[in-house]
C-alpha cells in the first residue's frame, strides 16, 4: 500500500496508474488525512474462456437481399 498526496499523483499520474494495474493499492491523502483508496479493477475473463453462440434471427437469404427501398443497384 502506497500513501501519496493528490498533487504528487497529479504530477505522476501514469506512474501510479501502472502501479495500480500491477496490483498496488494507492491511498490518496489530502490535508494530512486519507481521502480515498485506488485499487485495480478485477481482471476481465479471457476471450478463450468465453463461450458465445450466435443465433440468426433471419434466414441467410434475408441477410444478403437488398432492401426494397434501397436506391443502390444490387448486382449478383
PDB file of N, CA and C in Angstrom:
ATOM      1  N   UNK A   1       0.848  -1.168   0.000  1.00  0.00           N
ATOM      2  CA  UNK A   1       0.000   0.000   0.000  1.00  0.00           C
ATOM      3  C   UNK A   1       0.898   1.236   0.000  1.00  0.00           C
ATOM      4  N   UNK A   2       0.572   2.171  -0.889  1.00  0.00           N
ATOM      5  CA  UNK A   2       1.332   3.415  -1.006  1.00  0.00           C
ATOM      6  C   UNK A   2       0.427   4.571  -0.623  1.00  0.00           C
ATOM      7  N   UNK A   3       0.907   5.438   0.240  1.00  0.00           N
ATOM      8  CA  UNK A   3       0.160   6.649   0.593  1.00  0.00           C
ATOM      9  C   UNK A   3       0.833   7.822  -0.110  1.00  0.00           C
ATOM     10  N   UNK A   4       0.024   8.632  -0.790  1.00  0.00           N
ATOM     11  CA  UNK A   4       0.581   9.721  -1.566  1.00  0.00           C
ATOM     12  C   UNK A   4      -0.401  10.896  -1.609  1.00  0.00           C
ATOM     13  N   UNK A   5       0.160  12.103  -1.646  1.00  0.00           N
ATOM     14  CA  UNK A   5      -0.686  13.286  -1.731  1.00  0.00           C
ATOM     15  C   UNK A   5      -1.231  13.453  -3.147  1.00  0.00           C
ATOM     16  N   UNK A   6      -2.388  14.065  -3.252  1.00  0.00           N
ATOM     17  CA  UNK A   6      -3.068  14.232  -4.538  1.00  0.00           C
ATOM     18  C   UNK A   6      -2.200  14.971  -5.550  1.00  0.00           C
ATOM     19  N   UNK A   7      -1.435  15.942  -5.106  1.00  0.00           N
ATOM     20  CA  UNK A   7      -0.582  16.708  -6.022  1.00  0.00           C
ATOM     21  C   UNK A   7       0.468  15.809  -6.670  1.00  0.00           C
ATOM     22  N   UNK A   8       1.026  14.914  -5.888  1.00  0.00           N
ATOM     23  CA  UNK A   8       2.049  14.007  -6.422  1.00  0.00           C
ATOM     24  C   UNK A   8       1.437  13.049  -7.434  1.00  0.00           C
ATOM     25  N   UNK A   9       0.219  12.578  -7.170  1.00  0.00           N
ATOM     26  CA  UNK A   9      -0.461  11.718  -8.148  1.00  0.00           C
ATOM     27  C   UNK A   9      -0.727  12.492  -9.433  1.00  0.00           C
ATOM     28  N   UNK A  10      -1.185  13.716  -9.287  1.00  0.00           N
ATOM     29  CA  UNK A  10      -1.466  14.537 -10.470  1.00  0.00           C
ATOM     30  C   UNK A  10      -0.210  14.716 -11.324  1.00  0.00           C
ATOM     31  N   UNK A  11       0.924  14.931 -10.684  1.00  0.00           N
ATOM     32  CA  UNK A  11       2.166  15.168 -11.418  1.00  0.00           C
ATOM     33  C   UNK A  11       2.787  13.898 -11.991  1.00  0.00           C
ATOM     34  N   UNK A  12       2.406  12.746 -11.447  1.00  0.00           N
ATOM     35  CA  UNK A  12       2.999  11.465 -11.878  1.00  0.00           C
ATOM     36  C   UNK A  12       1.904  10.437 -12.148  1.00  0.00           C
ATOM     37  N   UNK A  13       0.836  10.855 -12.792  1.00  0.00           N
ATOM     38  CA  UNK A  13      -0.357  10.014 -12.936  1.00  0.00           C
ATOM     39  C   UNK A  13      -0.062   8.662 -13.565  1.00  0.00           C
ATOM     40  N   UNK A  14       0.641   8.637 -14.688  1.00  0.00           N
ATOM     41  CA  UNK A  14       0.842   7.364 -15.389  1.00  0.00           C
ATOM     42  C   UNK A  14       1.737   6.408 -14.596  1.00  0.00           C
ATOM     43  N   UNK A  15       2.655   6.935 -13.847  1.00  0.00           N
ATOM     44  CA  UNK A  15       3.488   6.092 -12.985  1.00  0.00           C
ATOM     45  C   UNK A  15       2.608   5.361 -11.963  1.00  0.00           C
ATOM     46  N   UNK A  16       1.668   6.099 -11.345  1.00  0.00           N
ATOM     47  CA  UNK A  16       0.796   5.485 -10.347  1.00  0.00           C
ATOM     48  C   UNK A  16      -0.249   4.572 -10.986  1.00  0.00           C
ATOM     49  N   UNK A  17      -0.708   4.911 -12.177  1.00  0.00           N
ATOM     50  CA  UNK A  17      -1.646   4.016 -12.875  1.00  0.00           C
ATOM     51  C   UNK A  17      -0.996   2.671 -13.177  1.00  0.00           C
ATOM     52  N   UNK A  18       0.274   2.691 -13.558  1.00  0.00           N
ATOM     53  CA  UNK A  18       0.992   1.431 -13.798  1.00  0.00           C
ATOM     54  C   UNK A  18       1.112   0.612 -12.515  1.00  0.00           C
ATOM     55  N   UNK A  19       1.384   1.287 -11.400  1.00  0.00           N
ATOM     56  CA  UNK A  19       1.478   0.574 -10.121  1.00  0.00           C
ATOM     57  C   UNK A  19       0.133  -0.039  -9.743  1.00  0.00           C
ATOM     58  N   UNK A  20      -0.937   0.699  -9.969  1.00  0.00           N
ATOM     59  CA  UNK A  20      -2.280   0.191  -9.664  1.00  0.00           C
ATOM     60  C   UNK A  20      -2.605  -1.001 -10.549  1.00  0.00           C
ATOM     61  N   UNK A  21      -2.264  -0.901 -11.837  1.00  0.00           N
ATOM     62  CA  UNK A  21      -2.518  -2.008 -12.763  1.00  0.00           C
ATOM     63  C   UNK A  21      -1.756  -3.264 -12.356  1.00  0.00           C
ATOM     64  N   UNK A  22      -0.621  -3.085 -11.692  1.00  0.00           N
ATOM     65  CA  UNK A  22       0.175  -4.232 -11.228  1.00  0.00           C
ATOM     66  C   UNK A  22      -0.260  -4.732  -9.857  1.00  0.00           C
ATOM     67  N   UNK A  23      -1.388  -4.230  -9.355  1.00  0.00           N
ATOM     68  CA  UNK A  23      -1.952  -4.759  -8.119  1.00  0.00           C
ATOM     69  C   UNK A  23      -1.698  -3.929  -6.872  1.00  0.00           C
ATOM     70  N   UNK A  24      -0.978  -2.849  -6.997  1.00  0.00           N
ATOM     71  CA  UNK A  24      -0.684  -1.995  -5.839  1.00  0.00           C
ATOM     72  C   UNK A  24      -1.925  -1.185  -5.465  1.00  0.00           C
ATOM     73  N   UNK A  25      -2.124  -0.944  -4.182  1.00  0.00           N
ATOM     74  CA  UNK A  25      -3.204  -0.085  -3.704  1.00  0.00           C
ATOM     75  C   UNK A  25      -2.606   1.271  -3.364  1.00  0.00           C
ATOM     76  N   UNK A  26      -3.246   2.320  -3.839  1.00  0.00           N
ATOM     77  CA  UNK A  26      -2.790   3.684  -3.589  1.00  0.00           C
ATOM     78  C   UNK A  26      -3.816   4.368  -2.687  1.00  0.00           C
ATOM     79  N   UNK A  27      -3.344   5.005  -1.632  1.00  0.00           N
ATOM     80  CA  UNK A  27      -4.207   5.793  -0.752  1.00  0.00           C
ATOM     81  C   UNK A  27      -3.908   7.264  -1.037  1.00  0.00           C
ATOM     82  N   UNK A  28      -4.906   8.000  -1.487  1.00  0.00           N
ATOM     83  CA  UNK A  28      -4.742   9.427  -1.750  1.00  0.00           C
ATOM     84  C   UNK A  28      -4.934  10.179  -0.443  1.00  0.00           C
ATOM     85  N   UNK A  29      -4.012  11.095  -0.169  1.00  0.00           N
ATOM     86  CA  UNK A  29      -4.086  11.907   1.034  1.00  0.00           C
ATOM     87  C   UNK A  29      -4.321  13.368   0.664  1.00  0.00           C
ATOM     88  N   UNK A  30      -5.095  14.039   1.474  1.00  0.00           N
ATOM     89  CA  UNK A  30      -5.314  15.463   1.320  1.00  0.00           C
ATOM     90  C   UNK A  30      -5.434  16.080   2.696  1.00  0.00           C
ATOM     91  N   UNK A  31      -4.752  17.163   2.938  1.00  0.00           N
ATOM     92  CA  UNK A  31      -4.752  17.813   4.260  1.00  0.00           C
ATOM     93  C   UNK A  31      -4.338  16.841   5.366  1.00  0.00           C
ATOM     94  N   UNK A  32      -3.336  16.014   5.062  1.00  0.00           N
ATOM     95  CA  UNK A  32      -2.791  15.027   6.010  1.00  0.00           C
ATOM     96  C   UNK A  32      -3.825  14.006   6.491  1.00  0.00           C
ATOM     97  N   UNK A  33      -4.867  13.800   5.701  1.00  0.00           N
ATOM     98  CA  UNK A  33      -5.863  12.775   6.010  1.00  0.00           C
ATOM     99  C   UNK A  33      -6.025  11.875   4.788  1.00  0.00           C
ATOM    100  N   UNK A  34      -6.330  10.615   5.057  1.00  0.00           N
ATOM    101  CA  UNK A  34      -6.601   9.696   3.951  1.00  0.00           C
ATOM    102  C   UNK A  34      -7.932  10.080   3.325  1.00  0.00           C
ATOM    103  N   UNK A  35      -7.907  10.322   2.003  1.00  0.00           N
ATOM    104  CA  UNK A  35      -9.124  10.753   1.319  1.00  0.00           C
ATOM    105  C   UNK A  35      -9.812   9.605   0.583  1.00  0.00           C
ATOM    106  N   UNK A  36      -9.024   8.804  -0.137  1.00  0.00           N
ATOM    107  CA  UNK A  36      -9.652   7.744  -0.934  1.00  0.00           C
ATOM    108  C   UNK A  36      -8.618   6.704  -1.338  1.00  0.00           C
ATOM    109  N   UNK A  37      -9.028   5.431  -1.356  1.00  0.00           N
ATOM    110  CA  UNK A  37      -8.137   4.393  -1.893  1.00  0.00           C
ATOM    111  C   UNK A  37      -8.389   4.210  -3.394  1.00  0.00           C
ATOM    112  N   UNK A  38      -7.353   3.829  -4.100  1.00  0.00           N
ATOM    113  CA  UNK A  38      -7.497   3.443  -5.507  1.00  0.00           C
ATOM    114  C   UNK A  38      -6.949   2.028  -5.615  1.00  0.00           C
ATOM    115  N   UNK A  39      -7.773   1.128  -6.105  1.00  0.00           N
ATOM    116  CA  UNK A  39      -7.363  -0.270  -6.279  1.00  0.00           C
ATOM    117  C   UNK A  39      -7.587  -0.657  -7.733  1.00  0.00           C
ATOM    118  N   UNK A  40      -6.898  -1.681  -8.167  1.00  0.00           N
ATOM    119  CA  UNK A  40      -7.050  -2.115  -9.551  1.00  0.00           C
ATOM    120  C   UNK A  40      -8.402  -2.789  -9.750  1.00  0.00           C
ATOM    121  N   UNK A  41      -8.916  -2.658 -10.949  1.00  0.00           N
ATOM    122  CA  UNK A  41     -10.185  -3.294 -11.299  1.00  0.00           C
ATOM    123  C   UNK A  41      -9.953  -4.791 -11.447  1.00  0.00           C
ATOM    124  N   UNK A  42     -10.985  -5.603 -11.183  1.00  0.00           N
ATOM    125  CA  UNK A  42     -10.817  -7.049 -11.362  1.00  0.00           C
ATOM    126  C   UNK A  42     -10.539  -7.379 -12.824  1.00  0.00           C
ATOM    127  N   UNK A  43      -9.714  -8.366 -13.025  1.00  0.00           N
ATOM    128  CA  UNK A  43      -9.366  -8.767 -14.393  1.00  0.00           C
ATOM    129  C   UNK A  43     -10.585  -9.370 -15.072  1.00  0.00           C
ATOM    130  N   UNK A  44     -10.793  -8.971 -16.314  1.00  0.00           N
ATOM    131  CA  UNK A  44     -11.912  -9.500 -17.100  1.00  0.00           C
ATOM    132  C   UNK A  44     -11.582 -10.926 -17.535  1.00  0.00           C
ATOM    133  N   UNK A  45     -12.618 -11.667 -17.813  1.00  0.00           N
ATOM    134  CA  UNK A  45     -12.406 -13.027 -18.305  1.00  0.00           C
ATOM    135  C   UNK A  45     -11.680 -12.986 -19.633  1.00  0.00           C
ATOM    136  N   UNK A  46     -10.848 -13.955 -19.839  1.00  0.00           N
ATOM    137  CA  UNK A  46     -10.127 -14.062 -21.097  1.00  0.00           C
ATOM    138  C   UNK A  46     -11.086 -14.511 -22.191  1.00  0.00           C
ATOM    139  N   UNK A  47     -10.834 -14.049 -23.407  1.00  0.00           N
ATOM    140  CA  UNK A  47     -11.700 -14.391 -24.532  1.00  0.00           C
ATOM    141  C   UNK A  47     -11.708 -15.899 -24.799  1.00  0.00           C
ATOM    142  N   UNK A  48     -10.594 -16.585 -24.480  1.00  0.00           N
ATOM    143  CA  UNK A  48     -10.533 -18.031 -24.727  1.00  0.00           C
ATOM    144  C   UNK A  48     -11.570 -18.780 -23.888  1.00  0.00           C
ATOM    145  N   UNK A  49     -11.883 -18.245 -22.717  1.00  0.00           N
ATOM    146  CA  UNK A  49     -12.809 -18.926 -21.815  1.00  0.00           C
ATOM    147  C   UNK A  49     -14.266 -18.611 -22.094  1.00  0.00           C
ATOM    148  N   UNK A  50     -14.502 -17.655 -22.956  1.00  0.00           N
ATOM    149  CA  UNK A  50     -15.878 -17.258 -23.233  1.00  0.00           C
ATOM    150  C   UNK A  50     -16.487 -18.183 -24.280  1.00  0.00           C
ATOM    151  N   UNK A  51     -17.707 -18.562 -24.045  1.00  0.00           N
ATOM    152  CA  UNK A  51     -18.417 -19.420 -24.986  1.00  0.00           C
ATOM    153  C   UNK A  51     -19.654 -18.666 -25.453  1.00  0.00           C
ATOM    154  N   UNK A  52     -19.556 -18.142 -26.662  1.00  0.00           N
ATOM    155  CA  UNK A  52     -20.648 -17.361 -27.216  1.00  0.00           C
ATOM    156  C   UNK A  52     -21.178 -18.093 -28.442  1.00  0.00           C
ATOM    157  N   UNK A  53     -22.473 -18.247 -28.493  1.00  0.00           N
ATOM    158  CA  UNK A  53     -23.096 -18.852 -29.662  1.00  0.00           C
ATOM    159  C   UNK A  53     -24.061 -17.836 -30.249  1.00  0.00           C
ATOM    160  N   UNK A  54     -23.927 -17.631 -31.555  1.00  0.00           N
ATOM    161  CA  UNK A  54     -24.785 -16.684 -32.231  1.00  0.00           C
ATOM    162  C   UNK A  54     -25.973 -17.401 -32.852  1.00  0.00           C
ATOM    163  N   UNK A  55     -27.086 -16.748 -32.860  1.00  0.00           N
ATOM    164  CA  UNK A  55     -28.292 -17.320 -33.433  1.00  0.00           C
ATOM    165  C   UNK A  55     -28.826 -16.307 -34.438  1.00  0.00           C
ATOM    166  N   UNK A  56     -28.993 -16.746 -35.686  1.00  0.00           N
ATOM    167  CA  UNK A  56     -29.547 -15.872 -36.711  1.00  0.00           C
ATOM    168  C   UNK A  56     -31.036 -15.693 -36.468  1.00  0.00           C
ATOM    169  N   UNK A  57     -31.482 -14.462 -36.544  1.00  0.00           N
ATOM    170  CA  UNK A  57     -32.899 -14.175 -36.365  1.00  0.00           C
ATOM    171  C   UNK A  57     -33.642 -14.116 -37.686  1.00  0.00           C
ATOM    172  N   UNK A  58     -32.884 -14.130 -38.785  1.00  0.00           N
ATOM    173  CA  UNK A  58     -33.468 -14.169 -40.135  1.00  0.00           C
ATOM    174  C   UNK A  58     -32.715 -15.226 -40.926  1.00  0.00           C
ATOM    175  N   UNK A  59     -33.277 -15.600 -42.050  1.00  0.00           N
ATOM    176  CA  UNK A  59     -32.606 -16.592 -42.883  1.00  0.00           C
ATOM    177  C   UNK A  59     -31.386 -15.962 -43.569  1.00  0.00           C
ATOM    178  N   UNK A  60     -30.399 -16.768 -43.955  1.00  0.00           N
ATOM    179  CA  UNK A  60     -29.231 -16.214 -44.649  1.00  0.00           C
ATOM    180  C   UNK A  60     -29.603 -15.462 -45.931  1.00  0.00           C
ATOM    181  N   UNK A  61     -30.668 -15.889 -46.596  1.00  0.00           N
ATOM    182  CA  UNK A  61     -31.104 -15.203 -47.820  1.00  0.00           C
ATOM    183  C   UNK A  61     -31.569 -13.776 -47.523  1.00  0.00           C
ATOM    184  N   UNK A  62     -32.206 -13.585 -46.371  1.00  0.00           N
ATOM    185  CA  UNK A  62     -32.676 -12.257 -45.996  1.00  0.00           C
ATOM    186  C   UNK A  62     -31.513 -11.309 -45.701  1.00  0.00           C
ATOM    187  N   UNK A  63     -30.416 -11.854 -45.240  1.00  0.00           N
ATOM    188  CA  UNK A  63     -29.261 -11.017 -44.904  1.00  0.00           C
ATOM    189  C   UNK A  63     -28.677 -10.375 -46.158  1.00  0.00           C
ATOM    190  N   UNK A  64     -28.612 -11.119 -47.255  1.00  0.00           N
ATOM    191  CA  UNK A  64     -27.975 -10.578 -48.462  1.00  0.00           C
ATOM    192  C   UNK A  64     -28.973  -9.948 -49.433  1.00  0.00           C
ATOM    193  N   UNK A  65     -30.264 -10.071 -49.158  1.00  0.00           N
ATOM    194  CA  UNK A  65     -31.273  -9.497 -50.039  1.00  0.00           C
ATOM    195  C   UNK A  65     -31.304  -7.980 -49.856  1.00  0.00           C
ATOM    196  N   UNK A  66     -31.327  -7.202 -50.982  1.00  0.00           N
ATOM    197  CA  UNK A  66     -31.382  -5.747 -50.834  1.00  0.00           C
ATOM    198  C   UNK A  66     -32.727  -5.303 -50.279  1.00  0.00           C
ATOM    199  N   UNK A  67     -32.704  -4.215 -49.573  1.00  0.00           N
ATOM    200  CA  UNK A  67     -33.926  -3.645 -49.019  1.00  0.00           C
ATOM    201  C   UNK A  67     -34.793  -3.132 -50.156  1.00  0.00           C
ATOM    202  N   UNK A  68     -36.112  -3.261 -50.031  1.00  0.00           N
ATOM    203  CA  UNK A  68     -36.991  -2.874 -51.135  1.00  0.00           C
ATOM    204  C   UNK A  68     -36.974  -1.371 -51.403  1.00  0.00           C
ATOM    205  N   UNK A  69     -36.551  -0.558 -50.456  1.00  0.00           N
ATOM    206  CA  UNK A  69     -36.483   0.892 -50.648  1.00  0.00           C
ATOM    207  C   UNK A  69     -35.087   1.372 -51.007  1.00  0.00           C
ATOM    208  N   UNK A  70     -34.151   0.443 -51.192  1.00  0.00           N
ATOM    209  CA  UNK A  70     -32.771   0.815 -51.482  1.00  0.00           C
ATOM    210  C   UNK A  70     -32.659   1.424 -52.874  1.00  0.00           C
ATOM    211  N   UNK A  71     -31.938   2.547 -52.975  1.00  0.00           N
ATOM    212  CA  UNK A  71     -31.728   3.179 -54.272  1.00  0.00           C
ATOM    213  C   UNK A  71     -30.414   2.737 -54.896  1.00  0.00           C
ATOM    214  N   UNK A  72     -29.638   1.967 -54.166  1.00  0.00           N
ATOM    215  CA  UNK A  72     -28.364   1.493 -54.683  1.00  0.00           C
ATOM    216  C   UNK A  72     -28.618   0.201 -55.462  1.00  0.00           C
ATOM    217  N   UNK A  73     -28.163   0.153 -56.742  1.00  0.00           N
ATOM    218  CA  UNK A  73     -28.383  -1.082 -57.514  1.00  0.00           C
ATOM    219  C   UNK A  73     -27.590  -2.231 -56.908  1.00  0.00           C
ATOM    220  N   UNK A  74     -28.199  -3.384 -56.900  1.00  0.00           N
ATOM    221  CA  UNK A  74     -27.572  -4.554 -56.324  1.00  0.00           C
ATOM    222  C   UNK A  74     -27.333  -5.557 -57.449  1.00  0.00           C
ATOM    223  N   UNK A  75     -26.100  -6.004 -57.631  1.00  0.00           N
ATOM    224  CA  UNK A  75     -25.761  -6.945 -58.684  1.00  0.00           C
ATOM    225  C   UNK A  75     -25.291  -8.247 -58.064  1.00  0.00           C
ATOM    226  N   UNK A  76     -25.773  -9.353 -58.608  1.00  0.00           N
ATOM    227  CA  UNK A  76     -25.344 -10.662 -58.134  1.00  0.00           C
ATOM    228  C   UNK A  76     -24.117 -11.111 -58.840  1.00  0.00           C
TER     229      UNK A  76
END
